[in-house]
C-alpha atoms as a PDB file:
ATOM      1  CA  MET A   1      20.241   3.273 -12.303  1.00  0.00           C
ATOM      2  CA  TYR A   2      20.730   0.485 -14.853  1.00  0.00           C
ATOM      3  CA  ASN A   3      18.652   0.538 -17.942  1.00  0.00           C
ATOM      4  CA  PRO A   4      17.792  -3.003 -19.053  1.00  0.00           C
ATOM      5  CA  MET A   5      17.982  -2.037 -22.702  1.00  0.00           C
ATOM      6  CA  GLY A   6      21.603  -1.370 -22.103  1.00  0.00           C
ATOM      7  CA  GLU A   7      21.965   1.914 -23.967  1.00  0.00           C
ATOM      8  CA  THR A   8      22.228   4.610 -21.315  1.00  0.00           C
ATOM      9  CA  LYS A   9      21.750   5.200 -17.721  1.00  0.00           C
ATOM     10  CA  ILE A  10      18.537   6.883 -16.500  1.00  0.00           C
ATOM     11  CA  LYS A  11      19.167  10.243 -14.757  1.00  0.00           C
ATOM     12  CA  GLN A  12      18.086  10.525 -11.132  1.00  0.00           C
ATOM     13  CA  ASN A  13      17.636  13.599  -9.007  1.00  0.00           C
ATOM     14  CA  LYS A  14      18.949  13.965  -5.480  1.00  0.00           C
ATOM     15  CA  VAL A  15      16.158  12.145  -3.694  1.00  0.00           C
ATOM     16  CA  GLY A  16      16.441   9.112  -5.952  1.00  0.00           C
ATOM     17  CA  GLU A  17      13.316   9.820  -7.995  1.00  0.00           C
ATOM     18  CA  MET A  18      13.397   9.614 -11.818  1.00  0.00           C
ATOM     19  CA  LYS A  19      13.388  12.908 -13.654  1.00  0.00           C
ATOM     20  CA  MET A  20      10.547  13.556 -16.076  1.00  0.00           C
ATOM     21  CA  SER A  21      11.426  14.541 -19.524  1.00  0.00           C
ATOM     22  CA  ILE A  22       9.778  17.895 -20.430  1.00  0.00           C
ATOM     23  CA  PHE A  23       9.791  16.696 -24.109  1.00  0.00           C
ATOM     24  CA  GLU A  24       7.805  13.558 -23.270  1.00  0.00           C
ATOM     25  CA  VAL A  25       5.264  15.679 -21.240  1.00  0.00           C
ATOM     26  CA  ILE A  26       4.847  18.111 -24.121  1.00  0.00           C
ATOM     27  CA  MET A  27       4.417  15.319 -26.671  1.00  0.00           C
ATOM     28  CA  LEU A  28       1.702  13.619 -24.522  1.00  0.00           C
ATOM     29  CA  LEU A  29      -0.032  16.876 -23.808  1.00  0.00           C
ATOM     30  CA  CYS A  30      -0.122  17.696 -27.590  1.00  0.00           C
ATOM     31  CA  PHE A  31      -1.535  14.276 -28.365  1.00  0.00           C
ATOM     32  CA  GLY A  32      -3.963  14.593 -25.468  1.00  0.00           C
ATOM     33  CA  ALA A  33      -5.208  17.936 -26.675  1.00  0.00           C
ATOM     34  CA  ALA A  34      -6.175  16.462 -30.037  1.00  0.00           C
ATOM     35  CA  TRP A  35      -8.221  13.507 -28.792  1.00  0.00           C
ATOM     36  CA  PRO A  36     -11.276  15.437 -27.387  1.00  0.00           C
ATOM     37  CA  PHE A  37     -11.701  16.975 -30.817  1.00  0.00           C
ATOM     38  CA  SER A  38     -11.557  13.533 -32.479  1.00  0.00           C
ATOM     39  CA  ILE A  39     -13.962  12.127 -29.953  1.00  0.00           C
ATOM     40  CA  TYR A  40     -16.372  14.954 -30.444  1.00  0.00           C
ATOM     41  CA  LYS A  41     -16.224  14.579 -34.268  1.00  0.00           C
ATOM     42  CA  SER A  42     -16.830  10.739 -33.934  1.00  0.00           C
ATOM     43  CA  TYR A  43     -19.686  11.311 -31.631  1.00  0.00           C
ATOM     44  CA  THR A  44     -21.472  14.034 -33.540  1.00  0.00           C
ATOM     45  CA  SER A  45     -20.903  12.800 -37.116  1.00  0.00           C
ATOM     46  CA  LYS A  46     -21.766   9.205 -36.355  1.00  0.00           C
ATOM     47  CA  SER A  47     -19.407   8.299 -39.136  1.00  0.00           C
ATOM     48  CA  THR A  48     -16.202   6.454 -39.517  1.00  0.00           C
ATOM     49  CA  ALA A  49     -14.991   8.687 -42.320  1.00  0.00           C
ATOM     50  CA  GLY A  50     -11.328   9.611 -41.834  1.00  0.00           C
ATOM     51  CA  LYS A  51     -10.855   7.031 -39.170  1.00  0.00           C
ATOM     52  CA  SER A  52      -9.038   3.705 -39.183  1.00  0.00           C
ATOM     53  CA  LEU A  53      -9.534   0.951 -36.615  1.00  0.00           C
ATOM     54  CA  VAL A  54      -6.162  -0.325 -37.231  1.00  0.00           C
ATOM     55  CA  PHE A  55      -4.572   3.030 -36.508  1.00  0.00           C
ATOM     56  CA  LEU A  56      -6.468   3.330 -33.276  1.00  0.00           C
ATOM     57  CA  LEU A  57      -5.405  -0.142 -32.153  1.00  0.00           C
ATOM     58  CA  ILE A  58      -1.743   0.651 -32.906  1.00  0.00           C
ATOM     59  CA  LEU A  59      -2.152   3.800 -30.741  1.00  0.00           C
ATOM     60  CA  LEU A  60      -3.654   1.841 -27.936  1.00  0.00           C
ATOM     61  CA  THR A  61      -0.798  -0.667 -28.129  1.00  0.00           C
ATOM     62  CA  GLY A  62       1.684   2.169 -28.007  1.00  0.00           C
ATOM     63  CA  TYR A  63       0.066   3.810 -24.998  1.00  0.00           C
ATOM     64  CA  VAL A  64      -0.036   0.336 -23.252  1.00  0.00           C
ATOM     65  CA  ALA A  65       3.681  -0.036 -24.020  1.00  0.00           C
ATOM     66  CA  GLY A  66       4.297   3.527 -22.609  1.00  0.00           C
ATOM     67  CA  VAL A  67       2.452   2.737 -19.380  1.00  0.00           C
ATOM     68  CA  LEU A  68       4.268  -0.547 -18.946  1.00  0.00           C
ATOM     69  CA  HIS A  69       7.658   1.160 -19.554  1.00  0.00           C
ATOM     70  CA  LYS A  70       6.863   3.766 -17.003  1.00  0.00           C
ATOM     71  CA  ALA A  71       5.582   1.220 -14.538  1.00  0.00           C
ATOM     72  CA  PHE A  72       8.596  -1.135 -14.701  1.00  0.00           C
ATOM     73  CA  TYR A  73      11.491   0.949 -15.819  1.00  0.00           C
ATOM     74  CA  SER A  74      11.119   4.697 -15.460  1.00  0.00           C
ATOM     75  CA  TYR A  75       8.197   5.432 -13.053  1.00  0.00           C
ATOM     76  CA  ASP A  76       7.179   9.072 -12.818  1.00  0.00           C
ATOM     77  CA  LYS A  77       3.959  11.207 -12.943  1.00  0.00           C
ATOM     78  CA  VAL A  78       4.020  11.065 -16.698  1.00  0.00           C
ATOM     79  CA  ILE A  79       2.470   7.659 -16.516  1.00  0.00           C
ATOM     80  CA  PHE A  80      -0.901   9.473 -15.852  1.00  0.00           C
ATOM     81  CA  LEU A  81      -0.667  11.211 -19.221  1.00  0.00           C
ATOM     82  CA  TYR A  82      -0.250   7.904 -20.987  1.00  0.00           C
ATOM     83  CA  ILE A  83      -3.259   6.516 -19.056  1.00  0.00           C
ATOM     84  CA  ILE A  84      -5.416   9.563 -19.884  1.00  0.00           C
ATOM     85  CA  ASN A  85      -4.518   9.386 -23.559  1.00  0.00           C
ATOM     86  CA  PHE A  86      -5.089   5.612 -23.539  1.00  0.00           C
ATOM     87  CA  CYS A  87      -8.618   6.240 -22.160  1.00  0.00           C
ATOM     88  CA  MET A  88      -9.322   8.991 -24.787  1.00  0.00           C
ATOM     89  CA  VAL A  89      -8.247   6.657 -27.686  1.00  0.00           C
ATOM     90  CA  SER A  90     -10.278   3.852 -26.102  1.00  0.00           C
ATOM     91  CA  VAL A  91     -13.414   6.100 -26.180  1.00  0.00           C
ATOM     92  CA  ASP A  92     -12.699   7.080 -29.762  1.00  0.00           C
ATOM     93  CA  THR A  93     -12.243   3.299 -30.641  1.00  0.00           C
ATOM     94  CA  ILE A  94     -15.614   2.540 -29.131  1.00  0.00           C
ATOM     95  CA  LEU A  95     -17.204   5.324 -30.986  1.00  0.00           C
ATOM     96  CA  TYR A  96     -15.683   3.984 -34.149  1.00  0.00           C
ATOM     97  CA  LEU A  97     -17.121   0.579 -33.507  1.00  0.00           C
ATOM     98  CA  ARG A  98     -20.514   2.069 -32.764  1.00  0.00           C
ATOM     99  CA  ASN A  99     -20.462   4.217 -35.907  1.00  0.00           C
ATOM    100  CA  SER A 100     -19.278   1.371 -37.952  1.00  0.00           C
ATOM    101  CA  LYS A 101     -22.192  -0.772 -36.732  1.00  0.00           C
ATOM    102  CA  GLN A 102     -24.590   2.024 -37.454  1.00  0.00           C
ATOM    103  CA  GLU A 103     -23.215   2.521 -40.917  1.00  0.00           C
ATOM    104  CA  SER A 104     -23.571  -1.163 -41.747  1.00  0.00           C
ATOM    105  CA  HIS A 105     -27.177  -1.220 -40.571  1.00  0.00           C
ATOM    106  CA  SER A 106     -28.031   1.852 -42.626  1.00  0.00           C
ATOM    107  CA  VAL A 107     -26.452   0.248 -45.807  1.00  0.00           C
ATOM    108  CA  ASN A 108     -28.331  -2.976 -45.133  1.00  0.00           C
ATOM    109  CA  ASN A 109     -31.606  -1.099 -44.812  1.00  0.00           C
ATOM    110  CA  PHE A 110     -31.486   0.284 -48.421  1.00  0.00           C
END
């Protein structure tokens, strides 16, 4: 199958489906394993310490790009890992915004 980026051809198995990269799966599983801890910390600490909104937005952009790539050029089941990771980063981003708002209110009350 032709890759529109022009570098290489995408490997296909015998039935014509795209092969998943085990390395991509491992990478997404490792990232995915970290997010519940980050979400828990954000939820319980009610603090933005150690977090960056810009970083979270960059990650969301990256996961959107991964989903779009999988949807249009290399569809396989890995797309669900991108979607799950996107959802977890979205939750962490929402918690960041909530915590930031609470921190600004507590500073203004002093």
